[in-house]
Every structure is written in C-alpha cells, then in structure tokens.
Amino acid sequence: MPRRPDRLAEPPVRLDRSASTPLTAQLSDALREAMSTGTLRAGERLPSSRSLATQLGVSRTVVTDAYQQLYAEGWLDGRHGSGTFVTEHEPLPGSGTPRDPVAPRGTGAGAVWERPSRAQLRRSGTVDLRPGAPWVHDHDRAALRRAWRHAAEHPPSDDPDPRGLPRLRALLAEHLRRTRGVRVGPENILVTRGTGNGLDLVGAMVRPTAGPGVRAGVEDPGYGKARTILAARGAEIVPCPVDGDGIRPEDLPDDLSLVYTTPAHQYPLGGRLPLPRRERLLAWARRTGAVVVEDDYDAEFRYDVAPLPALYGLDPGRVVLLGTLSKTLDPDLGIGWIVAEPDLMHRIVDIRAGLSDRTSGPVQAATALLLERGDLDRHLRRMRLEYARRRALLVEHLGPRLSGDTAGLHVLLSLPEAAVAPVIAAAAEEGVLVEDTSRTSHGAPRVHGLVIGYGSADRTELRRACGVLARAVQRHTGE
C-alpha cells in the first residue's frame, strides 16, 4: 500500500507477566485489537522487532513470533529493509474510530492509502508470487497500437447487441475450435468482461431474483471470488470436496442447482480432471438436472501433458463454459466469453439486457483484430515457452513439495500447518510475497501450504525467490 512517509506508530500494548497466557499471544492479541478498532491505522509503520522488544522489556523472539502470526493472518505487511506496516482493514462497528479518508490517488484531503499495486511492489524490489497475474511486459506493442487504432475507428452503436460484436463472436468460435476442440457458432457465444462477469450472469440466470432455494456447489478449496459472486446472487454456497485430480462427483449432493468447477487446472490444488471423472460429473448433472459451470481457467497453458476435452464439448446441454483473455493477454483488457446452447443462451441474453450489462465496443473491436491477424496466437505461443521456463525453475528448486505444475500459472507448495506462517513471514523479511491456502477455503483450510503464482515475476526474480523460499522451508520444516 502507499505509505505515509516515516509515520511510526507506538502500539498501545500492556503485557501481564503473571498471566497464564504466553507473552507472544498477549502481544499479538493486543496488536490485533488495536488494528481491528482503528487505533492502529492502515499504512502506519510498527517499530522494529528489536525496538519493540526493548520498549516492552521482553525478548526479541516474543515480538518476532507475534509479528509472524499477524503476517500470516494478513494484518501486517513488510519487506526487507522497509519495515512492518499495518494493512488495510475495516475497523469494527462501534469503535468510534473513522477509517482513513478514501479518495483517488494523490495527496491532500480525501487521499486514499491503498494496497500497493503489483507495479509498485515491483519497483520496490519485492518479488510478488501471489497467484492470479500474467506477464504483461512482453507484448507486441506494434500489434497493440494497431488494434487500438482500429478500435478508435469503430463506429459507436446506439443499440449494442448484448451478445457482443458479431465479428468477435465468430472469431472466438474459431479460436475455441482450434485451441479447445469446442465446435460452436457465434450464436453460442456471449462476450463478457471476464470470468467474474460471466459467472454473475449465469448465477442470475439460474436464479433471476434473489431469494432462498438455490444451492450452488463450489470447489473447496477453490476460487473464493466464485463463492462471493454466487452468494451475491442469493445462492446458498455448498462446499464441494476436491482432491489432487479435481472435483469429486461422488461427493456432490443431488439438490444443487449448479456446480462451479475448474477442470483444466483446479484452483488451488492444480489437478486436471481425468476423463473418467469428467464423465461421472456429467452423468451426475444429467441425473440431477444441475447446470455445470466450467471455468476454463488456465486451459491455454499446459506442460508435458496432452490436452483434455472441455466438459462443454462432452455434453453441451448440461454445461456452460466460461473463458477469458485476462491470462493470455492482460487482466485490464476485460474480455471473456460464455458458451452455451441456444436455450440457456437466450435466458442469459435476456438477463443481461435487463441488467443493461455490456462489454465495451472499442475493446471488442481491438480484440477482434488481434484474433483476426493472428497476433493473439503468436503471443500465446511465446508465453507458453516463457512460462514453461519459469515453471522449470520452481520444480528445480522446490520440486519435492510441489503439485499442480502440469498446467497454468501457479503451483501448490505443501507444508505442515505449523510451518505456513513462519515461512510466509521469513519470505516477507527478504522481499518475497506469497499467499497461503486460507483464502481458497470455505471454512478452516483442509490443505496447508503456499499458492505460488509465477506469471508476474521474471526469471531473475523467480530464481531469487526460489532460493529464499527453499531456505525458509528448510529452516521451518527441518528438511
């Protein structure tokens, strides 16, 4: 986050040496309470562990252990040589302490103190290995300029088609045929602003009005935003167990209206749903009448394995396919798609028209030219090779604990539960930012470890980060 220059906070902490509660727990509880009520505010810098230990008259280990716990819980953020800072959190209701003023970037009244962007972290020297971001620094700039010039010439429409530009839908149909073996026409495609937008429209289609009665299955552990989106549409979220191969059809209840799954590269475990299990999932959907929402997450990037058929291609009548170009090109582009059979598509189109939801016409026009000229395919081939090299670095340095490395832009580094927080904190001290599995779980995590994204770090950064993580893992696991 952007930080107030040199604003050091003095934590209001009292430790009771006569209490049965350990000093480390007392300190972490006191700091957590101060941050949750707004007494310590986002962006404020805490004293160094050495300084705070001196102030409190305790050993430095007490402070470093408390800081490590709060790092792991997401209350603190820090980088080697920069200090330890309070992250952005909403004060508890009734605390009487206002949040920091919120406004766009800049200074003065109403300035906002946001989490740092990936670009800011990169400039600061931090290696950001959080999942979810591709590499956006090696695009064919001439191709992009040409596409945006073309988009600027695209005449605006006073009555845009809620399905998207016909030309782009035809090109996407051809793209899906070549890359995913899915045979559809433009009439089967609706152009969205991305996977989240597509899932929201499908959720609205399954339950057009908010209310009880819709039960939506979501992989657990799985994509947290899917839970958020479907819950916002009034669905009751039902966690669906996964293992190393993906979702388990035999564990699905029969009263689900839909189930959301990532069969090409399960998030976060990284499994690729085997063909027999795909067939069992579709048999379950036919028997129960549920809609299977297939998020084609990471399908475009695979290593040393043959492609598997999309669920949609196996049973178009029961599956809605969601895709996006956010990983292939740029998350900021805002282009994705829904693929569905005519009956479902008509319902989705009606919902979208009623919501006045649409995808930018100029962005669609630019994307169409990138597809038409082959620029997207060329970029995809380049990035497949580059990501394969980065993936090889991770396997070389962290191999025995890795899983999910056959596809996509992330891997899972399995750890004992007790080692997760110390490894995250140790990595942060050396300027490496990683996430654990807690955000992917519906409740308490069943799988413990780090979800490492390697899309947004170059090979030099990744090599350094691998060394940091390898040392931290060895130190805190004894291996």
Protein backbone atom coordinates (compact mmCIF):
# COMPACT_ATOMS: atom_id res chain seq x y z
CA MET A 1 0.00 0.00 0.00
CA PRO A 2 1.22 3.61 -0.42
CA ARG A 3 2.57 4.55 2.97
CA ARG A 4 2.56 7.74 4.93
CA PRO A 5 6.15 8.94 4.86
CA ASP A 6 8.01 7.86 8.02
CA ARG A 7 4.84 7.66 10.13
CA LEU A 8 5.82 5.42 13.04
CA ALA A 9 3.07 4.13 15.32
CA GLU A 10 3.57 3.43 19.01
CA PRO A 11 1.40 0.37 19.73
CA PRO A 12 -0.72 0.62 22.91
CA VAL A 13 0.43 -2.64 24.50
CA ARG A 14 0.42 -3.88 28.08
CA LEU A 15 1.83 -7.30 28.89
CA ASP A 16 0.99 -9.18 32.11
CA ARG A 17 3.83 -11.48 33.10
CA SER A 18 1.71 -13.02 35.84
CA ALA A 19 -0.99 -14.16 33.41
CA SER A 20 -1.21 -17.74 32.16
CA THR A 21 -1.43 -16.51 28.54
CA PRO A 22 2.02 -16.55 26.86
CA LEU A 23 3.57 -13.14 26.20
CA THR A 24 3.59 -13.76 22.43
CA ALA A 25 -0.17 -14.42 22.43
CA GLN A 26 -0.77 -11.34 24.59
CA LEU A 27 1.20 -9.16 22.21
CA SER A 28 -0.45 -10.48 19.05
CA ASP A 29 -3.90 -10.12 20.67
CA ALA A 30 -3.19 -6.53 21.70
CA LEU A 31 -1.93 -5.53 18.26
CA ARG A 32 -4.83 -7.29 16.54
CA GLU A 33 -7.31 -5.45 18.77
CA ALA A 34 -5.62 -2.10 18.05
CA MET A 35 -5.77 -2.70 14.30
CA SER A 36 -9.35 -4.02 14.25
CA THR A 37 -10.63 -0.95 16.13
CA GLY A 38 -8.63 1.55 14.09
CA THR A 39 -6.30 2.59 16.92
CA LEU A 40 -3.53 1.42 14.61
CA ARG A 41 -4.40 2.52 11.09
CA ALA A 42 -3.64 1.17 7.65
CA GLY A 43 -0.26 2.32 6.36
CA GLU A 44 1.27 3.04 9.76
CA ARG A 45 4.69 1.56 10.43
CA LEU A 46 5.30 -0.51 13.54
CA PRO A 47 8.57 -0.44 15.47
CA SER A 48 11.19 -2.97 14.50
CA SER A 49 11.12 -6.19 16.48
CA ARG A 50 14.30 -5.18 18.28
CA SER A 51 12.95 -1.74 19.18
CA LEU A 52 9.57 -3.01 20.40
CA ALA A 53 11.21 -5.78 22.43
CA THR A 54 13.34 -3.15 24.19
CA GLN A 55 10.30 -0.95 24.87
CA LEU A 56 8.33 -3.84 26.36
CA GLY A 57 11.22 -5.42 28.21
CA VAL A 58 10.81 -8.81 26.52
CA SER A 59 12.97 -10.98 24.34
CA ARG A 60 13.05 -10.21 20.63
CA THR A 61 11.65 -13.71 19.95
CA VAL A 62 8.37 -12.71 21.63
CA VAL A 63 7.96 -9.82 19.18
CA THR A 64 9.11 -11.64 16.04
CA ASP A 65 6.76 -14.57 16.76
CA ALA A 66 3.82 -12.19 17.28
CA TYR A 67 4.66 -10.32 14.07
CA GLN A 68 4.91 -13.62 12.16
CA GLN A 69 1.44 -14.63 13.33
CA LEU A 70 -0.04 -11.29 12.24
CA TYR A 71 1.77 -11.51 8.89
CA ALA A 72 0.15 -14.88 8.29
CA GLU A 73 -3.30 -13.54 9.23
CA GLY A 74 -2.93 -10.64 6.81
CA TRP A 75 -2.86 -7.84 9.39
CA LEU A 76 0.74 -6.85 8.64
CA ASP A 77 2.78 -6.35 5.50
CA GLY A 78 6.52 -5.90 5.32
CA ARG A 79 9.58 -6.06 3.14
CA HIS A 80 13.21 -6.43 3.98
CA GLY A 81 14.71 -3.04 4.74
CA SER A 82 11.39 -1.21 4.61
CA GLY A 83 9.76 -2.06 7.92
CA THR A 84 6.50 -3.59 9.07
CA PHE A 85 3.21 -1.88 8.16
CA VAL A 86 -0.48 -2.25 9.03
CA THR A 87 -2.54 -3.47 6.06
CA GLU A 88 -5.95 -2.12 5.03
CA HIS A 89 -8.72 -3.34 7.35
CA GLU A 90 -12.21 -2.13 8.21
CA PRO A 91 -12.47 -1.04 11.90
CA LEU A 92 -15.05 -2.93 13.90
CA PRO A 93 -18.52 -1.32 14.08
CA GLY A 94 -18.97 0.98 17.06
CA SER A 95 -15.26 1.57 17.56
CA GLY A 96 -15.79 5.30 17.13
CA THR A 97 -12.65 5.50 15.05
CA PRO A 98 -13.09 6.61 11.44
CA ARG A 99 -11.29 4.92 8.62
CA ASP A 100 -8.58 6.69 6.77
CA PRO A 101 -10.18 9.08 4.26
CA VAL A 102 -10.78 7.50 0.89
CA ALA A 103 -10.17 9.20 -2.43
CA PRO A 104 -8.31 8.54 -5.67
CA ARG A 105 -4.54 8.65 -5.82
CA GLY A 106 -2.73 11.79 -4.76
CA THR A 107 -2.36 13.87 -1.65
CA GLY A 108 -4.45 16.28 0.36
CA ALA A 109 -7.93 15.94 1.82
CA GLY A 110 -9.57 12.65 0.98
CA ALA A 111 -6.36 10.89 -0.09
CA VAL A 112 -6.57 7.11 -0.08
CA TRP A 113 -3.99 4.70 1.28
CA GLU A 114 -4.45 1.59 -0.82
CA ARG A 115 -2.66 -1.72 -1.01
CA PRO A 116 0.35 -1.48 -3.30
CA SER A 117 -0.21 -2.45 -6.89
CA ARG A 118 1.92 -5.16 -8.46
CA ALA A 119 3.80 -2.43 -10.35
CA GLN A 120 4.57 -0.59 -7.10
CA LEU A 121 5.78 -3.78 -5.48
CA ARG A 122 7.96 -4.49 -8.47
CA ARG A 123 9.55 -1.03 -8.33
CA SER A 124 10.23 -1.51 -4.63
CA GLY A 125 12.18 -4.69 -5.30
CA THR A 126 9.55 -7.06 -3.92
CA VAL A 127 9.08 -10.33 -5.79
CA ASP A 128 5.31 -10.83 -5.95
CA LEU A 129 4.42 -14.51 -6.16
CA ARG A 130 0.72 -14.13 -5.37
CA PRO A 131 -1.36 -16.08 -7.89
CA GLY A 132 -3.66 -14.60 -10.50
CA ALA A 133 -1.48 -12.34 -12.65
CA PRO A 134 0.14 -12.98 -16.05
CA TRP A 135 3.24 -11.39 -17.54
CA VAL A 136 2.23 -8.17 -19.31
CA HIS A 137 5.64 -6.72 -20.21
CA ASP A 138 6.47 -8.52 -23.47
CA HIS A 139 3.51 -7.74 -25.69
CA ASP A 140 3.93 -6.95 -29.35
CA ARG A 141 3.49 -3.19 -28.92
CA ALA A 142 3.04 -2.59 -32.63
CA ALA A 143 0.19 -5.11 -32.71
CA LEU A 144 -1.49 -3.49 -29.71
CA ARG A 145 -1.19 0.01 -31.18
CA ARG A 146 -2.64 -1.25 -34.45
CA ALA A 147 -5.56 -2.87 -32.60
CA TRP A 148 -6.37 0.26 -30.61
CA ARG A 149 -6.18 2.46 -33.71
CA HIS A 150 -8.64 0.09 -35.33
CA ALA A 151 -10.89 0.29 -32.27
CA ALA A 152 -10.86 4.08 -32.40
CA GLU A 153 -12.28 3.87 -35.91
CA HIS A 154 -15.07 1.52 -34.79
CA PRO A 155 -18.34 3.47 -35.02
CA PRO A 156 -20.30 3.60 -31.75
CA SER A 157 -23.65 1.82 -31.67
CA ASP A 158 -26.82 3.30 -30.24
CA ASP A 159 -28.22 -0.23 -29.78
CA PRO A 160 -25.36 -2.63 -28.90
CA ASP A 161 -26.08 -6.34 -29.12
CA PRO A 162 -25.99 -7.78 -25.56
CA ARG A 163 -24.27 -10.86 -27.01
CA GLY A 164 -21.33 -8.80 -28.30
CA LEU A 165 -19.98 -7.85 -31.72
CA PRO A 166 -20.92 -10.50 -34.33
CA ARG A 167 -17.42 -10.38 -35.85
CA LEU A 168 -15.75 -11.03 -32.49
CA ARG A 169 -18.13 -13.86 -31.65
CA ALA A 170 -17.34 -15.53 -34.96
CA LEU A 171 -13.60 -15.17 -34.32
CA LEU A 172 -13.95 -16.53 -30.78
CA ALA A 173 -15.87 -19.53 -32.13
CA GLU A 174 -12.95 -20.26 -34.46
CA HIS A 175 -10.44 -19.69 -31.64
CA LEU A 176 -12.24 -22.18 -29.37
CA ARG A 177 -12.41 -24.76 -32.15
CA ARG A 178 -8.66 -24.59 -32.74
CA THR A 179 -7.48 -24.30 -29.13
CA ARG A 180 -10.10 -26.25 -27.14
CA GLY A 181 -11.74 -28.55 -29.67
CA VAL A 182 -15.11 -26.93 -28.98
CA ARG A 183 -17.32 -26.73 -32.07
CA VAL A 184 -19.75 -23.83 -31.72
CA GLY A 185 -21.05 -20.96 -33.80
CA PRO A 186 -21.38 -17.25 -32.98
CA GLU A 187 -24.93 -17.91 -31.78
CA ASN A 188 -23.49 -19.95 -28.87
CA ILE A 189 -21.23 -17.16 -27.62
CA LEU A 190 -21.80 -14.09 -25.47
CA VAL A 191 -18.86 -11.69 -25.00
CA THR A 192 -18.35 -10.76 -21.34
CA ARG A 193 -15.98 -8.51 -19.41
CA GLY A 194 -14.28 -11.57 -17.94
CA THR A 195 -14.96 -14.75 -15.99
CA GLY A 196 -16.44 -12.95 -12.99
CA ASN A 197 -18.94 -11.11 -15.19
CA GLY A 198 -19.83 -14.38 -16.93
CA LEU A 199 -20.37 -16.24 -13.66
CA ASP A 200 -22.54 -13.42 -12.35
CA LEU A 201 -24.78 -13.62 -15.43
CA VAL A 202 -25.07 -17.40 -15.12
CA GLY A 203 -25.91 -17.03 -11.42
CA ALA A 204 -28.62 -14.52 -12.32
CA MET A 205 -29.93 -16.88 -14.99
CA VAL A 206 -30.20 -19.82 -12.59
CA ARG A 207 -31.94 -17.63 -10.03
CA PRO A 208 -33.18 -14.42 -11.72
CA THR A 209 -34.48 -12.99 -8.46
CA ALA A 210 -32.68 -13.04 -5.14
CA GLY A 211 -34.03 -15.40 -2.54
CA PRO A 212 -33.67 -18.79 -0.90
CA GLY A 213 -33.87 -22.05 -2.73
CA VAL A 214 -30.78 -22.09 -4.96
CA ARG A 215 -27.88 -24.21 -3.77
CA ALA A 216 -24.64 -23.62 -5.68
CA GLY A 217 -21.75 -26.03 -5.36
CA VAL A 218 -18.24 -24.53 -5.39
CA GLU A 219 -14.99 -26.45 -5.15
CA ASP A 220 -13.40 -26.46 -1.68
CA PRO A 221 -10.67 -25.39 -1.66
CA GLY A 222 -11.43 -23.30 -4.68
CA TYR A 223 -11.80 -19.88 -6.23
CA GLY A 224 -13.00 -17.53 -3.49
CA LYS A 225 -14.50 -14.98 -5.88
CA ALA A 226 -16.84 -17.64 -7.25
CA ARG A 227 -18.31 -18.06 -3.76
CA THR A 228 -18.66 -14.29 -3.41
CA ILE A 229 -20.33 -13.81 -6.81
CA LEU A 230 -22.85 -16.61 -6.40
CA ALA A 231 -23.67 -15.66 -2.82
CA ALA A 232 -24.37 -12.11 -4.02
CA ARG A 233 -27.00 -13.63 -6.33
CA GLY A 234 -28.77 -15.15 -3.35
CA ALA A 235 -27.37 -18.66 -3.64
CA GLU A 236 -26.57 -20.87 -0.70
CA ILE A 237 -22.94 -21.89 -1.18
CA VAL A 238 -22.26 -25.61 -0.77
CA PRO A 239 -18.56 -26.54 -0.47
CA CYS A 240 -17.69 -29.48 -2.74
CA PRO A 241 -14.61 -31.55 -1.86
CA VAL A 242 -11.69 -31.81 -4.27
CA ASP A 243 -8.54 -33.88 -4.30
CA GLY A 244 -5.39 -33.90 -6.38
CA ASP A 245 -7.37 -34.73 -9.53
CA GLY A 246 -10.12 -32.13 -9.03
CA ILE A 247 -13.76 -32.22 -8.01
CA ARG A 248 -15.21 -35.49 -6.69
CA PRO A 249 -18.56 -36.24 -8.41
CA GLU A 250 -19.43 -39.00 -5.92
CA ASP A 251 -19.45 -36.41 -3.10
CA LEU A 252 -21.86 -33.98 -4.80
CA PRO A 253 -25.35 -33.69 -3.25
CA ASP A 254 -28.31 -34.15 -5.55
CA ASP A 255 -30.07 -30.87 -4.71
CA LEU A 256 -27.62 -28.43 -6.33
CA SER A 257 -28.90 -26.04 -8.99
CA LEU A 258 -25.39 -25.58 -10.35
CA VAL A 259 -21.83 -26.59 -9.62
CA TYR A 260 -18.82 -24.42 -10.43
CA THR A 261 -15.61 -26.25 -11.35
CA THR A 262 -12.15 -25.57 -12.82
CA PRO A 263 -11.36 -28.86 -14.58
CA ALA A 264 -8.46 -27.69 -16.78
CA HIS A 265 -6.33 -26.68 -13.77
CA GLN A 266 -8.07 -26.80 -10.41
CA TYR A 267 -7.52 -23.76 -8.24
CA PRO A 268 -5.53 -24.02 -5.98
CA LEU A 269 -4.54 -27.72 -5.93
CA GLY A 270 -3.70 -27.74 -9.64
CA GLY A 271 -5.27 -31.04 -10.66
CA ARG A 272 -6.56 -31.76 -14.19
CA LEU A 273 -9.90 -33.55 -14.04
CA PRO A 274 -9.37 -37.02 -15.63
CA LEU A 275 -11.70 -38.09 -18.40
CA PRO A 276 -13.48 -40.85 -16.37
CA ARG A 277 -14.23 -38.32 -13.64
CA ARG A 278 -15.47 -35.80 -16.23
CA GLU A 279 -17.90 -38.40 -17.49
CA ARG A 280 -19.12 -39.16 -13.95
CA LEU A 281 -19.63 -35.45 -13.28
CA LEU A 282 -21.74 -35.09 -16.42
CA ALA A 283 -23.73 -38.21 -15.58
CA TRP A 284 -24.49 -36.67 -12.16
CA ALA A 285 -25.60 -33.43 -13.85
CA ARG A 286 -27.90 -35.27 -16.27
CA ARG A 287 -29.44 -37.25 -13.40
CA THR A 288 -30.00 -34.24 -11.12
CA GLY A 289 -30.74 -31.56 -13.72
CA ALA A 290 -27.97 -29.29 -12.40
CA VAL A 291 -26.00 -26.88 -14.59
CA VAL A 292 -22.24 -27.42 -14.63
CA VAL A 293 -20.36 -24.11 -14.89
CA GLU A 294 -16.97 -24.89 -16.42
CA ASP A 295 -14.39 -22.19 -15.77
CA ASP A 296 -11.72 -22.92 -18.39
CA TYR A 297 -9.12 -21.47 -16.01
CA ASP A 298 -5.52 -21.89 -17.25
CA ALA A 299 -6.54 -24.21 -20.12
CA GLU A 300 -4.28 -22.35 -22.56
CA PHE A 301 -1.09 -23.18 -20.62
CA ARG A 302 -0.07 -26.81 -20.13
CA TYR A 303 3.33 -28.52 -19.85
CA ASP A 304 4.36 -32.07 -20.77
CA VAL A 305 0.74 -33.29 -20.89
CA ALA A 306 -1.82 -33.80 -23.63
CA PRO A 307 -4.93 -31.59 -23.75
CA LEU A 308 -8.12 -32.91 -22.21
CA PRO A 309 -11.53 -32.25 -23.79
CA ALA A 310 -13.60 -29.41 -22.41
CA LEU A 311 -16.62 -30.53 -20.42
CA TYR A 312 -18.78 -28.44 -22.74
CA GLY A 313 -17.70 -30.49 -25.73
CA LEU A 314 -18.73 -33.70 -23.95
CA ASP A 315 -22.25 -32.52 -23.06
CA PRO A 316 -23.25 -29.06 -24.34
CA GLY A 317 -26.75 -29.40 -22.96
CA ARG A 318 -25.64 -29.52 -19.33
CA VAL A 319 -22.53 -27.28 -19.34
CA VAL A 320 -21.95 -23.55 -19.54
CA LEU A 321 -18.34 -22.73 -20.47
CA LEU A 322 -16.64 -19.59 -19.17
CA GLY A 323 -13.38 -18.25 -20.62
CA THR A 324 -11.26 -15.13 -20.58
CA LEU A 325 -8.24 -13.50 -22.21
CA SER A 326 -7.06 -12.00 -18.91
CA LYS A 327 -4.23 -14.53 -18.53
CA THR A 328 -3.41 -14.75 -22.23
CA LEU A 329 -3.17 -11.01 -22.79
CA ASP A 330 -3.90 -8.66 -19.92
CA PRO A 331 -6.36 -8.57 -16.97
CA ASP A 332 -7.01 -4.92 -17.82
CA LEU A 333 -8.38 -5.84 -21.26
CA GLY A 334 -11.68 -7.02 -19.83
CA ILE A 335 -12.74 -9.61 -22.42
CA GLY A 336 -14.19 -13.04 -21.78
CA TRP A 337 -16.99 -15.25 -23.02
CA ILE A 338 -19.86 -17.51 -22.12
CA VAL A 339 -20.52 -20.54 -24.33
CA ALA A 340 -23.93 -22.17 -24.01
CA GLU A 341 -26.57 -23.98 -26.01
CA PRO A 342 -29.38 -21.84 -27.50
CA ASP A 343 -31.98 -22.37 -24.74
CA LEU A 344 -29.61 -21.37 -21.96
CA MET A 345 -28.05 -18.62 -24.07
CA HIS A 346 -31.44 -16.99 -24.74
CA ARG A 347 -32.08 -16.86 -20.99
CA ILE A 348 -28.65 -15.38 -20.29
CA VAL A 349 -29.07 -12.76 -23.05
CA ASP A 350 -32.46 -11.73 -21.64
CA ILE A 351 -30.97 -11.38 -18.16
CA ARG A 352 -28.08 -9.31 -19.47
CA ALA A 353 -30.31 -7.00 -21.48
CA GLY A 354 -32.49 -6.45 -18.43
CA LEU A 355 -29.44 -5.53 -16.34
CA SER A 356 -28.09 -3.11 -19.01
CA ASP A 357 -24.83 -5.02 -18.68
CA ARG A 358 -22.46 -4.75 -21.65
CA THR A 359 -18.88 -5.14 -22.81
CA SER A 360 -17.05 -2.13 -24.26
CA GLY A 361 -17.44 -1.93 -28.05
CA PRO A 362 -13.95 -0.50 -28.71
CA VAL A 363 -12.35 -3.20 -26.55
CA GLN A 364 -14.24 -5.86 -28.52
CA ALA A 365 -13.13 -4.31 -31.81
CA ALA A 366 -9.47 -4.27 -30.70
CA THR A 367 -9.66 -7.88 -29.55
CA ALA A 368 -11.23 -8.93 -32.84
CA LEU A 369 -8.29 -7.50 -34.80
CA LEU A 370 -5.77 -9.28 -32.53
CA LEU A 371 -7.55 -12.56 -33.24
CA GLU A 372 -8.04 -11.88 -36.94
CA ARG A 373 -4.38 -11.07 -37.64
CA GLY A 374 -3.02 -13.96 -35.55
CA ASP A 375 -1.39 -11.61 -33.02
CA LEU A 376 -3.07 -13.40 -30.11
CA ASP A 377 -1.88 -16.82 -31.27
CA ARG A 378 1.70 -15.61 -31.68
CA HIS A 379 1.67 -14.06 -28.22
CA LEU A 380 0.24 -17.24 -26.72
CA ARG A 381 2.99 -19.38 -28.28
CA ARG A 382 5.71 -17.05 -26.93
CA MET A 383 4.25 -17.02 -23.43
CA ARG A 384 3.81 -20.79 -23.32
CA LEU A 385 7.57 -21.17 -23.78
CA GLU A 386 8.35 -18.45 -21.24
CA TYR A 387 6.03 -19.81 -18.57
CA ALA A 388 7.42 -23.32 -19.12
CA ARG A 389 10.90 -21.98 -18.29
CA ARG A 390 9.62 -20.31 -15.11
CA ARG A 391 7.77 -23.43 -14.08
CA ALA A 392 11.00 -25.42 -14.57
CA LEU A 393 12.79 -23.09 -12.14
CA LEU A 394 10.20 -23.77 -9.44
CA VAL A 395 10.39 -27.51 -9.99
CA GLU A 396 14.19 -27.41 -9.83
CA HIS A 397 14.33 -25.53 -6.51
CA LEU A 398 11.16 -26.68 -4.72
CA GLY A 399 10.22 -29.83 -6.60
CA PRO A 400 9.53 -32.43 -3.88
CA ARG A 401 6.81 -30.32 -2.25
CA LEU A 402 5.17 -29.02 -5.43
CA SER A 403 1.95 -30.17 -7.03
CA GLY A 404 -0.25 -28.85 -9.82
CA ASP A 405 2.71 -28.00 -12.05
CA THR A 406 1.44 -29.62 -15.27
CA ALA A 407 -0.61 -26.59 -16.32
CA GLY A 408 -1.42 -22.98 -15.58
CA LEU A 409 0.50 -20.20 -13.85
CA HIS A 410 0.51 -21.38 -10.26
CA VAL A 411 1.67 -24.32 -8.17
CA LEU A 412 0.90 -25.53 -4.66
CA LEU A 413 3.81 -25.83 -2.22
CA SER A 414 2.59 -28.21 0.50
CA LEU A 415 3.74 -27.51 4.06
CA PRO A 416 2.95 -28.70 7.57
CA GLU A 417 0.30 -26.43 9.06
CA ALA A 418 2.67 -25.12 11.74
CA ALA A 419 5.26 -24.10 9.14
CA VAL A 420 3.00 -21.98 6.91
CA ALA A 421 3.00 -18.73 8.92
CA PRO A 422 6.76 -18.76 9.69
CA VAL A 423 7.66 -19.44 6.04
CA ILE A 424 5.43 -16.57 4.83
CA ALA A 425 6.94 -14.20 7.38
CA ALA A 426 10.52 -15.28 6.62
CA ALA A 427 9.93 -14.77 2.90
CA ALA A 428 8.42 -11.32 3.52
CA GLU A 429 11.50 -10.32 5.51
CA GLU A 430 13.56 -10.99 2.37
CA GLY A 431 11.20 -9.26 -0.03
CA VAL A 432 9.18 -12.22 -1.35
CA LEU A 433 5.39 -12.01 -1.16
CA VAL A 434 3.41 -15.27 -1.11
CA GLU A 435 -0.11 -16.40 -0.14
CA ASP A 436 -1.30 -19.44 1.76
CA THR A 437 -4.38 -21.57 1.05
CA SER A 438 -6.67 -19.88 3.59
CA ARG A 439 -8.40 -17.63 1.03
CA THR A 440 -9.30 -20.60 -1.11
CA SER A 441 -11.15 -22.48 1.63
CA HIS A 442 -14.83 -22.21 2.54
CA GLY A 443 -14.01 -22.68 6.23
CA ALA A 444 -10.88 -23.79 8.02
CA PRO A 445 -8.26 -24.87 5.46
CA ARG A 446 -8.10 -28.61 4.82
CA VAL A 447 -4.96 -28.24 2.71
CA HIS A 448 -1.96 -26.32 4.02
CA GLY A 449 0.77 -24.66 2.03
CA LEU A 450 1.56 -21.78 -0.31
CA VAL A 451 -0.18 -20.99 -3.59
CA ILE A 452 2.71 -19.67 -5.71
CA GLY A 453 1.95 -17.71 -8.84
CA TYR A 454 4.80 -17.39 -11.32
CA GLY A 455 3.12 -15.35 -14.03
CA SER A 456 4.13 -11.85 -12.97
CA ALA A 457 7.77 -12.41 -11.91
CA ASP A 458 10.59 -12.67 -14.44
CA ARG A 459 13.13 -15.50 -14.31
CA THR A 460 15.75 -13.48 -12.42
CA GLU A 461 13.24 -12.51 -9.75
CA LEU A 462 11.86 -16.03 -9.63
CA ARG A 463 15.29 -17.59 -9.18
CA ARG A 464 15.98 -15.32 -6.19
CA ALA A 465 12.54 -16.00 -4.72
CA CYS A 466 13.03 -19.76 -5.06
CA GLY A 467 16.23 -19.52 -3.07
CA VAL A 468 14.50 -17.51 -0.34
CA LEU A 469 11.61 -19.96 -0.14
CA ALA A 470 13.86 -23.03 -0.18
CA ARG A 471 15.85 -21.68 2.77
CA ALA A 472 12.70 -20.72 4.66
CA VAL A 473 11.12 -24.12 4.11
CA GLN A 474 14.26 -25.92 5.22
CA ARG A 475 14.56 -23.73 8.32
CA HIS A 476 10.95 -24.25 9.44
CA THR A 477 10.43 -27.87 8.46
CA GLY A 478 13.88 -29.26 9.22
CA GLU A 479 14.13 -30.77 5.74
